[in-house]
Amino acid sequence: MHAELVRVALHEVDIKVVSGERMHVLQWRRNLLWDEVLVDGKRQASSHGLLGREKVYGLVFGRGLDGSGGEQVMLILDPAQSMDLSHAGERIRGVRLEGRDGTLVSYGTLDANALKKPATFADWMKKSMGMEWGEDDRRQPN
């Protein structure tokens, strides 16, 4: 099983999921009073309320009619608004789709690289501000 992000917006996420010979579309939608998760256009899960809506959803792809089998995945969302000024449109902060064998797709604050803490001050400067700090081996003394 593998997945690809198709669209990440402020109130919408679309993910293409390929399982065996089948392709599915996994969608998350934020509405005024509820969030919903759809697979191939059919609602699989929903969360209602003004605040504190669900951010983790468990889904099964390829389950039989009797409810057995299939591949389990977990959709995790960070629905807060991203403060990324480099992108013209507004997006949610993070998306992660986990399968049994590990991460299928991740974006933003839920990307594995974003979760790693910088080891040094120079790493922190580079990660948070895009600045190089410290010794540069390419410099030549005057």
Protein backbone atom coordinates (compact mmCIF):
# COMPACT_ATOMS: atom_id res chain seq x y z
CA MET A 1 0.00 0.00 0.00
CA HIS A 2 1.25 3.50 -0.78
CA ALA A 3 -0.25 6.99 -0.78
CA GLU A 4 0.30 10.47 -2.25
CA LEU A 5 -1.03 13.85 -1.21
CA VAL A 6 -3.15 15.32 -3.99
CA ARG A 7 -4.38 18.48 -2.28
CA VAL A 8 -3.87 20.16 1.08
CA ALA A 9 -6.02 23.23 1.78
CA LEU A 10 -7.36 24.90 4.91
CA HIS A 11 -10.58 22.85 5.04
CA GLU A 12 -9.80 20.02 2.58
CA VAL A 13 -7.26 17.21 2.23
CA ASP A 14 -7.26 14.72 -0.65
CA ILE A 15 -5.00 11.65 -0.61
CA LYS A 16 -4.61 9.03 -3.32
CA VAL A 17 -4.23 5.56 -1.77
CA VAL A 18 -3.16 2.57 -3.88
CA SER A 19 -3.80 -0.83 -2.34
CA GLY A 20 -2.91 -3.77 -4.55
CA GLU A 21 -4.69 -3.31 -7.86
CA ARG A 22 -7.16 -0.70 -6.54
CA MET A 23 -6.89 3.07 -6.20
CA HIS A 24 -8.93 4.95 -3.59
CA VAL A 25 -9.47 8.62 -2.82
CA LEU A 26 -9.31 9.49 0.87
CA GLN A 27 -10.81 12.90 1.66
CA TRP A 28 -11.03 14.97 4.83
CA ARG A 29 -13.46 17.90 4.88
CA ARG A 30 -13.98 20.54 7.57
CA ASN A 31 -17.45 22.05 7.65
CA LEU A 32 -18.85 24.65 10.04
CA LEU A 33 -20.09 22.19 12.68
CA TRP A 34 -18.54 18.86 11.64
CA ASP A 35 -15.54 17.20 10.04
CA GLU A 36 -15.88 14.15 7.84
CA VAL A 37 -13.63 11.52 6.29
CA LEU A 38 -14.69 10.04 2.96
CA VAL A 39 -13.27 7.10 1.02
CA ASP A 40 -14.26 7.03 -2.64
CA GLY A 41 -16.97 9.62 -1.92
CA LYS A 42 -18.63 7.64 0.91
CA ARG A 43 -18.55 8.92 4.49
CA GLN A 44 -16.48 6.66 6.73
CA ALA A 45 -16.18 8.82 9.86
CA SER A 46 -17.36 12.16 11.20
CA SER A 47 -16.77 14.39 14.19
CA HIS A 48 -19.21 17.03 15.40
CA GLY A 49 -18.98 20.14 17.56
CA LEU A 50 -17.55 23.64 17.64
CA LEU A 51 -14.30 22.78 19.41
CA GLY A 52 -12.37 19.63 20.20
CA ARG A 53 -13.27 17.66 17.12
CA GLU A 54 -11.53 14.36 16.40
CA LYS A 55 -8.06 14.59 14.84
CA VAL A 56 -7.25 10.87 14.57
CA TYR A 57 -9.29 8.49 12.41
CA GLY A 58 -8.89 4.73 11.96
CA LEU A 59 -9.86 3.31 8.56
CA VAL A 60 -9.73 -0.07 6.81
CA PHE A 61 -9.14 -0.44 3.06
CA GLY A 62 -10.30 -3.59 1.26
CA ARG A 63 -12.46 -5.06 4.03
CA GLY A 64 -14.75 -7.90 2.94
CA LEU A 65 -18.54 -7.74 3.10
CA ASP A 66 -18.45 -9.81 6.29
CA GLY A 67 -16.11 -7.24 7.90
CA SER A 68 -12.96 -9.35 7.79
CA GLY A 69 -9.60 -8.62 6.22
CA GLY A 70 -8.39 -5.35 4.78
CA GLU A 71 -5.49 -3.04 5.50
CA GLN A 72 -5.72 -0.73 8.50
CA VAL A 73 -4.58 2.89 8.32
CA MET A 74 -4.63 5.83 10.70
CA LEU A 75 -5.27 9.38 9.46
CA ILE A 76 -3.86 12.08 11.77
CA LEU A 77 -4.53 15.79 11.22
CA ASP A 78 -3.27 19.06 12.67
CA PRO A 79 -6.17 21.27 11.48
CA ALA A 80 -4.79 24.58 12.77
CA GLN A 81 -3.99 27.16 10.11
CA SER A 82 -0.44 27.07 8.78
CA MET A 83 1.63 30.24 9.10
CA ASP A 84 3.69 29.40 6.01
CA LEU A 85 4.12 32.74 4.23
CA SER A 86 5.82 31.16 1.21
CA HIS A 87 2.53 29.63 0.05
CA ALA A 88 -0.17 31.95 -1.30
CA GLY A 89 -3.11 29.77 -0.19
CA GLU A 90 -4.04 28.84 3.34
CA ARG A 91 -3.41 25.27 4.48
CA ILE A 92 -3.81 23.16 7.57
CA ARG A 93 -0.59 22.62 9.51
CA GLY A 94 -0.12 18.88 9.15
CA VAL A 95 -1.34 15.58 7.71
CA ARG A 96 -0.07 12.06 8.33
CA LEU A 97 -1.34 8.71 7.05
CA GLU A 98 0.11 5.71 8.89
CA GLY A 99 -0.13 2.11 7.76
CA ARG A 100 0.82 -1.06 9.55
CA ASP A 101 4.38 -0.92 8.18
CA GLY A 102 4.98 2.79 8.80
CA THR A 103 4.22 6.20 7.37
CA LEU A 104 2.49 6.25 3.98
CA VAL A 105 2.46 10.05 3.58
CA SER A 106 3.16 13.03 5.83
CA TYR A 107 3.10 16.80 5.47
CA GLY A 108 3.86 19.85 7.59
CA THR A 109 3.95 19.60 11.37
CA LEU A 110 3.27 15.86 11.24
CA ASP A 111 6.16 15.11 8.88
CA ALA A 112 8.79 12.95 10.58
CA ASN A 113 11.51 15.53 9.82
CA ALA A 114 9.43 18.32 11.38
CA LEU A 115 9.10 16.31 14.60
CA LYS A 116 12.87 15.98 15.06
CA LYS A 117 14.41 18.48 17.46
CA PRO A 118 17.53 20.33 16.27
CA ALA A 119 20.75 19.00 17.85
CA THR A 120 22.64 22.31 17.94
CA PHE A 121 21.97 26.04 17.86
CA ALA A 122 23.20 26.14 14.25
CA ASP A 123 20.68 23.43 13.29
CA TRP A 124 17.90 25.37 15.04
CA MET A 125 18.82 28.59 13.18
CA LYS A 126 18.84 26.77 9.87
CA LYS A 127 15.51 25.00 10.53
CA SER A 128 13.57 27.92 12.00
CA MET A 129 15.01 30.88 10.05
CA GLY A 130 16.83 29.34 7.12
CA MET A 131 20.09 30.93 8.28
CA GLU A 132 23.52 29.33 8.28
CA TRP A 133 25.39 29.88 11.55
CA GLY A 134 28.92 28.96 12.51
CA GLU A 135 32.01 27.87 10.63
CA ASP A 136 31.93 27.91 6.84
CA ASP A 137 34.71 25.78 5.33
CA ARG A 138 34.41 27.57 2.00
CA ARG A 139 35.57 30.94 3.39
CA GLN A 140 39.08 32.03 2.61
CA PRO A 141 41.03 34.14 5.14
CA ASN A 142 41.99 37.67 4.04
